[in-house]
Protein backbone atom coordinates (compact mmCIF):
# COMPACT_ATOMS: atom_id res chain seq x y z
CA UNK A 1 -116.85 -7.96 -29.45
CA UNK A 2 -114.59 -8.24 -26.44
CA UNK A 3 -113.04 -11.42 -27.86
CA UNK A 4 -112.32 -9.65 -31.15
CA UNK A 5 -110.71 -6.70 -29.35
CA UNK A 6 -108.65 -9.10 -27.26
CA UNK A 7 -107.47 -10.96 -30.36
CA UNK A 8 -106.60 -7.69 -32.11
CA UNK A 9 -104.67 -6.56 -29.02
CA UNK A 10 -102.68 -9.81 -28.87
CA UNK A 11 -102.06 -9.67 -32.60
CA UNK A 12 -100.78 -6.11 -32.22
CA UNK A 13 -98.34 -7.16 -29.50
CA UNK A 14 -97.15 -10.10 -31.60
CA UNK A 15 -96.54 -7.84 -34.62
CA UNK A 16 -94.76 -5.25 -32.46
CA UNK A 17 -92.44 -7.84 -30.91
CA UNK A 18 -91.62 -9.35 -34.29
CA UNK A 19 -90.97 -5.94 -35.84
CA UNK A 20 -88.57 -5.16 -32.99
CA UNK A 21 -86.83 -8.52 -33.34
CA UNK A 22 -86.57 -8.07 -37.09
CA UNK A 23 -85.18 -4.56 -36.73
CA UNK A 24 -82.67 -5.73 -34.12
CA UNK A 25 -81.46 -8.50 -36.39
CA UNK A 26 -81.09 -6.24 -39.40
CA UNK A 27 -79.37 -2.95 -40.13
CA UNK A 28 -79.86 -1.64 -36.61
CA UNK A 29 -78.00 -4.55 -35.04
CA UNK A 30 -75.20 -4.17 -37.58
CA UNK A 31 -74.93 -0.49 -36.70
CA UNK A 32 -74.82 -1.22 -32.98
CA UNK A 33 -72.13 -3.87 -33.50
CA UNK A 34 -70.04 -1.29 -35.35
CA UNK A 35 -70.44 1.08 -32.41
CA UNK A 36 -69.39 -1.67 -29.98
CA UNK A 37 -66.41 -2.66 -32.14
CA UNK A 38 -65.24 0.96 -32.09
CA UNK A 39 -64.89 1.01 -28.29
CA UNK A 40 -61.24 1.15 -27.24
CA UNK A 41 -59.69 0.57 -23.81
CA UNK A 42 -56.33 1.87 -22.64
CA UNK A 43 -54.47 2.27 -19.38
CA UNK A 44 -51.75 4.50 -18.02
CA UNK A 45 -49.90 4.80 -14.74
CA UNK A 46 -50.76 7.98 -12.93
CA UNK A 47 -48.68 9.45 -10.12
CA UNK A 48 -50.65 10.48 -7.06
CA UNK A 49 -47.60 11.71 -5.19
CA UNK A 50 -43.84 11.27 -4.94
CA UNK A 51 -44.06 7.54 -4.19
CA UNK A 52 -47.67 6.63 -4.93
CA UNK A 53 -49.14 5.43 -8.22
CA UNK A 54 -52.52 4.27 -9.44
CA UNK A 55 -53.69 2.66 -12.66
CA UNK A 56 -55.95 4.79 -14.81
CA UNK A 57 -58.24 2.84 -17.17
CA UNK A 58 -60.18 4.65 -19.89
CA UNK A 59 -62.88 3.54 -22.34
CA UNK A 60 -63.13 5.60 -25.53
CA UNK A 61 -65.78 6.06 -28.24
CA UNK A 62 -68.85 5.50 -26.09
CA UNK A 63 -72.18 6.25 -27.77
CA UNK A 64 -75.64 7.32 -26.59
CA UNK A 65 -77.15 4.29 -28.35
CA UNK A 66 -75.41 1.84 -26.02
CA UNK A 67 -74.75 1.37 -22.32
CA UNK A 68 -72.23 -0.88 -20.58
CA UNK A 69 -72.31 -3.17 -17.53
CA UNK A 70 -68.86 -3.38 -15.95
CA UNK A 71 -67.81 -6.48 -13.94
CA UNK A 72 -64.54 -8.03 -12.81
CA UNK A 73 -63.16 -11.38 -11.61
CA UNK A 74 -61.92 -10.00 -8.29
CA UNK A 75 -65.21 -9.18 -6.59
CA UNK A 76 -68.95 -9.01 -7.26
CA UNK A 77 -69.10 -5.28 -7.90
CA UNK A 78 -70.93 -4.18 -11.03
CA UNK A 79 -71.36 -0.72 -12.51
CA UNK A 80 -73.55 0.68 -15.27
CA UNK A 81 -71.73 3.00 -17.67
CA UNK A 82 -73.90 5.41 -19.63
CA UNK A 83 -72.90 7.81 -22.36
CA UNK A 84 -71.44 11.12 -21.21
CA UNK A 85 -70.22 14.12 -23.20
CA UNK A 86 -67.04 13.29 -25.05
CA UNK A 87 -67.82 9.57 -25.15
CA UNK A 88 -65.09 8.77 -22.63
CA UNK A 89 -65.28 6.95 -19.30
CA UNK A 90 -62.39 6.71 -16.82
CA UNK A 91 -61.93 4.80 -13.58
CA UNK A 92 -58.95 4.01 -11.34
CA UNK A 93 -57.46 1.01 -9.57
CA UNK A 94 -55.09 1.16 -6.61
CA UNK A 95 -54.50 -2.61 -6.76
CA UNK A 96 -50.96 -3.03 -8.10
CA UNK A 97 -50.27 -6.60 -6.93
CA UNK A 98 -52.97 -8.57 -8.79
CA UNK A 99 -54.16 -9.05 -12.32
CA UNK A 100 -57.82 -8.08 -12.61
CA UNK A 101 -59.87 -9.07 -15.65
CA UNK A 102 -62.65 -6.58 -16.35
CA UNK A 103 -65.65 -7.52 -18.50
CA UNK A 104 -67.62 -4.80 -20.26
CA UNK A 105 -70.96 -6.06 -21.57
CA UNK A 106 -72.22 -3.67 -24.23
CA UNK A 107 -76.04 -3.41 -24.46
CA UNK A 108 -78.34 -1.63 -26.86
CA UNK A 109 -79.95 1.58 -25.65
CA UNK A 110 -82.22 1.78 -28.71
CA UNK A 111 -85.92 0.94 -28.33
CA UNK A 112 -86.00 -1.51 -31.24
CA UNK A 113 -83.14 -3.46 -29.66
CA UNK A 114 -83.71 -2.50 -26.04
CA UNK A 115 -81.38 -4.34 -23.59
CA UNK A 116 -79.95 -6.60 -26.30
CA UNK A 117 -76.40 -7.74 -25.55
CA UNK A 118 -74.29 -6.52 -28.46
CA UNK A 119 -70.78 -7.50 -27.42
CA UNK A 120 -68.61 -8.43 -24.42
CA UNK A 121 -65.18 -6.82 -24.13
CA UNK A 122 -62.52 -8.00 -21.69
CA UNK A 123 -59.56 -6.04 -20.38
CA UNK A 124 -56.78 -7.37 -18.15
CA UNK A 125 -55.44 -4.83 -15.68
CA UNK A 126 -51.65 -5.10 -15.31
CA UNK A 127 -49.74 -5.52 -12.07
CA UNK A 128 -46.30 -4.59 -10.79
CA UNK A 129 -43.49 -6.79 -12.09
CA UNK A 130 -41.63 -8.39 -9.12
CA UNK A 131 -38.38 -8.25 -11.12
CA UNK A 132 -38.65 -4.50 -11.52
CA UNK A 133 -37.25 -3.84 -8.02
CA UNK A 134 -33.87 -5.48 -8.71
CA UNK A 135 -30.85 -3.37 -9.62
CA UNK A 136 -30.11 -5.31 -12.80
CA UNK A 137 -33.59 -4.43 -14.07
CA UNK A 138 -33.15 -0.79 -13.05
CA UNK A 139 -30.10 -0.78 -15.33
CA UNK A 140 -32.03 -2.47 -18.18
CA UNK A 141 -35.62 -1.13 -17.99
CA UNK A 142 -36.37 -1.68 -21.70
CA UNK A 143 -35.97 -5.46 -21.52
CA UNK A 144 -39.46 -7.07 -21.43
CA UNK A 145 -38.83 -9.05 -18.22
CA UNK A 146 -37.84 -5.80 -16.50
CA UNK A 147 -40.83 -3.64 -17.40
CA UNK A 148 -42.46 -2.06 -14.35
CA UNK A 149 -45.98 -3.28 -15.15
CA UNK A 150 -46.87 -6.57 -16.83
CA UNK A 151 -50.03 -8.35 -18.02
CA UNK A 152 -48.42 -11.82 -18.12
CA UNK A 153 -45.96 -13.45 -15.71
CA UNK A 154 -42.41 -13.39 -17.05
CA UNK A 155 -41.55 -16.88 -15.78
CA UNK A 156 -38.09 -15.60 -14.80
CA UNK A 157 -37.15 -15.92 -11.13
CA UNK A 158 -34.66 -13.72 -9.30
CA UNK A 159 -31.97 -16.43 -9.60
CA UNK A 160 -32.47 -16.67 -13.37
CA UNK A 161 -32.69 -12.93 -14.03
CA UNK A 162 -28.97 -12.11 -14.42
CA UNK A 163 -28.33 -14.99 -16.84
CA UNK A 164 -31.47 -14.20 -18.84
CA UNK A 165 -30.54 -10.52 -19.25
CA UNK A 166 -26.98 -11.37 -20.26
CA UNK A 167 -28.32 -13.78 -22.90
CA UNK A 168 -30.90 -11.24 -24.04
CA UNK A 169 -28.28 -8.52 -24.50
CA UNK A 170 -26.02 -10.89 -26.43
CA UNK A 171 -28.90 -12.03 -28.64
CA UNK A 172 -28.80 -15.55 -27.24
CA UNK A 173 -31.90 -15.72 -25.11
CA UNK A 174 -32.59 -19.24 -23.85
CA UNK A 175 -35.74 -20.54 -22.21
CA UNK A 176 -34.37 -20.48 -18.68
CA UNK A 177 -37.75 -21.24 -17.15
CA UNK A 178 -37.56 -24.80 -18.44
CA UNK A 179 -34.42 -25.60 -16.46
CA UNK A 180 -36.39 -26.51 -13.37
CA UNK A 181 -38.65 -28.81 -15.36
CA UNK A 182 -36.12 -30.64 -17.55
CA UNK A 183 -33.80 -33.17 -15.93
CA UNK A 184 -30.23 -33.30 -17.20
CA UNK A 185 -27.80 -36.22 -17.44
CA UNK A 186 -28.08 -39.82 -18.58
CA UNK A 187 -31.52 -41.39 -18.29
CA UNK A 188 -30.23 -44.86 -17.42
CA UNK A 189 -27.79 -43.52 -14.86
CA UNK A 190 -30.43 -41.42 -13.10
CA UNK A 191 -32.98 -44.26 -13.11
CA UNK A 192 -30.60 -47.21 -12.57
CA UNK A 193 -32.15 -48.17 -9.23
CA UNK A 194 -35.64 -48.45 -10.73
CA UNK A 195 -34.35 -50.32 -13.79
CA UNK A 196 -32.56 -52.92 -11.58
CA UNK A 197 -35.65 -53.41 -9.39
CA UNK A 198 -37.88 -53.80 -12.45
CA UNK A 199 -35.44 -56.26 -14.05
CA UNK A 200 -35.25 -58.30 -10.82
CA UNK A 201 -39.02 -58.52 -10.50
CA UNK A 202 -39.36 -59.50 -14.16
CA UNK A 203 -36.68 -62.21 -13.70
CA UNK A 204 -38.50 -63.69 -10.71
CA UNK A 205 -41.78 -63.78 -12.64
CA UNK A 206 -40.19 -65.49 -15.64
CA UNK A 207 -38.25 -67.92 -13.40
CA UNK A 208 -41.41 -68.83 -11.49
CA UNK A 209 -43.31 -69.41 -14.72
CA UNK A 210 -40.56 -71.74 -16.07
CA UNK A 211 -40.38 -73.66 -12.77
CA UNK A 212 -44.15 -74.20 -12.65
CA UNK A 213 -44.22 -75.24 -16.31
CA UNK A 214 -41.52 -77.89 -15.71
CA UNK A 215 -43.34 -79.29 -12.69
CA UNK A 216 -46.54 -79.60 -14.67
CA UNK A 217 -44.73 -81.39 -17.54
CA UNK A 218 -43.18 -83.91 -15.09
CA UNK A 219 -46.65 -84.78 -13.82
């Protein structure tokens, strides 16, 4: 009798697990994915005082059927984000000199899909643009390379900034960042020394081969 009860118990667990897995793979999982896809992330610069700013990051459209594990690539800190009234979660960063990539792992909070990873969302926190401090950028704040906060490096150094902005305003923007990588002038002129050395070595090899061949033929 005990064996039968044990078998029935194990069978019950097996059926329960499979029902949960089936439910999580069906309409319920689809619904949870739609909830996760609806999550939006935005940031804004918030003034703390006359000369102090911080970056405000907000997640929208949170739902009681999911929870989120927040991580980042700067440190090992993690945080669990649960649903709160209004479905909105806000946090702040005072780091204005580094990019920080945040990862938000969205998990199911529904029993049939308990702790199932639904989706991972990444968000790259912007940083201050080094070019922003220069006067020429203060006079042209709408130009992309002059924006105060950026999420990608502009590739424009201080020495290239004036020329780039002049070209941008005239509609003739050139890829200035390639100037340091591309050599100008005549290839043969710039590499003449190496060409002469290579030619000399090749001549000696050929000359030696001919000399040895003649000696062998005389023998």
